[in-house]
Amino acid sequence: MTDYIEVKPLKTFDNGSGLKTADSDPFPVERGEANALKALGLVSFEDDAKKVEAPADPEPVEPISSVRSTKKKDKTDADNETA
């Protein structure tokens, strides 16, 4: 079974089934064709906008206090010498 995705035209193009313009209604295409059209900037995925729901009030993130510093410590000449 082929997976179809609803896409919304962003620019004018002809995909073989007729001329599509930015004013055209969303239409179904196979997933591979949809990815190719999106890569060319011709369409956007209709489902992307429907699935994304931003939280009304995002929870604050607490800083992690146990993170080690990535700064290298300066070694003295005595530390660099080996016996």
C-alpha atoms as a PDB file:
ATOM      1  CA  MET A   1       0.000   0.000   0.000  1.00  0.00           C
ATOM      2  CA  THR A   2       1.319   3.405  -0.940  1.00  0.00           C
ATOM      3  CA  ASP A   3       1.578   6.113   1.689  1.00  0.00           C
ATOM      4  CA  TYR A   4      -0.041   9.396   0.618  1.00  0.00           C
ATOM      5  CA  ILE A   5       0.512  12.824   2.169  1.00  0.00           C
ATOM      6  CA  GLU A   6      -1.548  16.002   1.773  1.00  0.00           C
ATOM      7  CA  VAL A   7       0.625  18.833   0.457  1.00  0.00           C
ATOM      8  CA  LYS A   8      -0.102  22.528  -0.066  1.00  0.00           C
ATOM      9  CA  PRO A   9       1.477  24.162  -3.129  1.00  0.00           C
ATOM     10  CA  LEU A  10       3.714  27.150  -2.370  1.00  0.00           C
ATOM     11  CA  LYS A  11       4.752  27.953  -5.955  1.00  0.00           C
ATOM     12  CA  THR A  12       3.350  27.234  -9.417  1.00  0.00           C
ATOM     13  CA  PHE A  13       4.368  23.875 -10.902  1.00  0.00           C
ATOM     14  CA  ASP A  14       3.009  20.993 -12.973  1.00  0.00           C
ATOM     15  CA  ASN A  15       3.355  17.556 -11.390  1.00  0.00           C
ATOM     16  CA  GLY A  16       1.817  15.667 -14.300  1.00  0.00           C
ATOM     17  CA  SER A  17      -1.722  15.747 -12.952  1.00  0.00           C
ATOM     18  CA  GLY A  18      -2.291  19.408 -13.698  1.00  0.00           C
ATOM     19  CA  LEU A  19      -0.996  22.845 -12.913  1.00  0.00           C
ATOM     20  CA  LYS A  20      -0.727  23.596  -9.193  1.00  0.00           C
ATOM     21  CA  THR A  21      -0.480  27.159  -7.867  1.00  0.00           C
ATOM     22  CA  ALA A  22      -0.169  28.719  -4.418  1.00  0.00           C
ATOM     23  CA  ASP A  23      -3.945  29.287  -4.567  1.00  0.00           C
ATOM     24  CA  SER A  24      -4.648  25.583  -5.229  1.00  0.00           C
ATOM     25  CA  ASP A  25      -6.222  23.385  -2.586  1.00  0.00           C
ATOM     26  CA  PRO A  26      -4.054  20.800  -0.799  1.00  0.00           C
ATOM     27  CA  PHE A  27      -3.785  17.544  -2.729  1.00  0.00           C
ATOM     28  CA  PRO A  28      -2.519  14.016  -1.964  1.00  0.00           C
ATOM     29  CA  VAL A  29       0.771  12.719  -3.381  1.00  0.00           C
ATOM     30  CA  GLU A  30       2.968   9.723  -2.617  1.00  0.00           C
ATOM     31  CA  ARG A  31       5.457  10.211   0.213  1.00  0.00           C
ATOM     32  CA  GLY A  32       8.492  10.062  -2.103  1.00  0.00           C
ATOM     33  CA  GLU A  33       7.066  12.650  -4.477  1.00  0.00           C
ATOM     34  CA  ALA A  34       6.034  14.831  -1.527  1.00  0.00           C
ATOM     35  CA  ASN A  35       9.585  14.771  -0.153  1.00  0.00           C
ATOM     36  CA  ALA A  36      11.002  15.666  -3.580  1.00  0.00           C
ATOM     37  CA  LEU A  37       8.548  18.553  -4.030  1.00  0.00           C
ATOM     38  CA  LYS A  38       9.277  19.842  -0.523  1.00  0.00           C
ATOM     39  CA  ALA A  39      13.039  19.681  -1.147  1.00  0.00           C
ATOM     40  CA  LEU A  40      12.504  21.891  -4.206  1.00  0.00           C
ATOM     41  CA  GLY A  41      10.470  24.351  -2.118  1.00  0.00           C
ATOM     42  CA  LEU A  42       7.306  23.771  -4.138  1.00  0.00           C
ATOM     43  CA  VAL A  43       5.039  22.456  -1.355  1.00  0.00           C
ATOM     44  CA  SER A  44       4.597  22.275   2.402  1.00  0.00           C
ATOM     45  CA  PHE A  45       3.169  19.307   4.278  1.00  0.00           C
ATOM     46  CA  GLU A  46      -0.354  19.997   5.501  1.00  0.00           C
ATOM     47  CA  ASP A  47      -0.046  17.527   8.387  1.00  0.00           C
ATOM     48  CA  ASP A  48       3.039  19.305   9.789  1.00  0.00           C
ATOM     49  CA  ALA A  49       1.033  22.354  10.788  1.00  0.00           C
ATOM     50  CA  LYS A  50      -1.779  20.293  12.313  1.00  0.00           C
ATOM     51  CA  LYS A  51       0.461  18.064  14.459  1.00  0.00           C
ATOM     52  CA  VAL A  52       2.515  20.829  16.050  1.00  0.00           C
ATOM     53  CA  GLU A  53       0.948  22.206  19.192  1.00  0.00           C
ATOM     54  CA  ALA A  54       3.029  24.549  21.289  1.00  0.00           C
ATOM     55  CA  PRO A  55       2.380  24.423  25.021  1.00  0.00           C
ATOM     56  CA  ALA A  56       0.492  27.431  26.326  1.00  0.00           C
ATOM     57  CA  ASP A  57       2.884  27.908  29.242  1.00  0.00           C
ATOM     58  CA  PRO A  58       6.219  26.063  28.886  1.00  0.00           C
ATOM     59  CA  GLU A  59       7.762  24.740  32.087  1.00  0.00           C
ATOM     60  CA  PRO A  60      11.012  26.385  33.197  1.00  0.00           C
ATOM     61  CA  VAL A  61      14.153  24.316  32.847  1.00  0.00           C
ATOM     62  CA  GLU A  62      16.434  24.093  35.862  1.00  0.00           C
ATOM     63  CA  PRO A  63      20.179  24.310  35.205  1.00  0.00           C
ATOM     64  CA  ILE A  64      22.223  21.208  35.853  1.00  0.00           C
ATOM     65  CA  SER A  65      24.683  21.970  38.649  1.00  0.00           C
ATOM     66  CA  SER A  66      26.751  18.813  38.249  1.00  0.00           C
ATOM     67  CA  VAL A  67      28.093  19.731  34.818  1.00  0.00           C
ATOM     68  CA  ARG A  68      31.868  19.672  34.730  1.00  0.00           C
ATOM     69  CA  SER A  69      33.821  22.494  33.218  1.00  0.00           C
ATOM     70  CA  THR A  70      35.313  21.793  29.798  1.00  0.00           C
ATOM     71  CA  LYS A  71      38.035  24.364  30.373  1.00  0.00           C
ATOM     72  CA  LYS A  72      41.501  22.818  30.390  1.00  0.00           C
ATOM     73  CA  LYS A  73      43.513  23.424  33.511  1.00  0.00           C
ATOM     74  CA  ASP A  74      46.976  24.876  33.122  1.00  0.00           C
ATOM     75  CA  LYS A  75      49.654  22.407  34.155  1.00  0.00           C
ATOM     76  CA  THR A  76      52.868  23.477  35.798  1.00  0.00           C
ATOM     77  CA  ASP A  77      56.218  22.388  34.392  1.00  0.00           C
ATOM     78  CA  ALA A  78      56.583  19.951  37.301  1.00  0.00           C
ATOM     79  CA  ASP A  79      53.337  18.223  36.291  1.00  0.00           C
ATOM     80  CA  ASN A  80      54.524  17.844  32.692  1.00  0.00           C
ATOM     81  CA  GLU A  81      57.822  16.160  33.657  1.00  0.00           C
ATOM     82  CA  THR A  82      57.791  12.403  33.990  1.00  0.00           C
ATOM     83  CA  ALA A  83      60.306  10.344  35.975  1.00  0.00           C
END
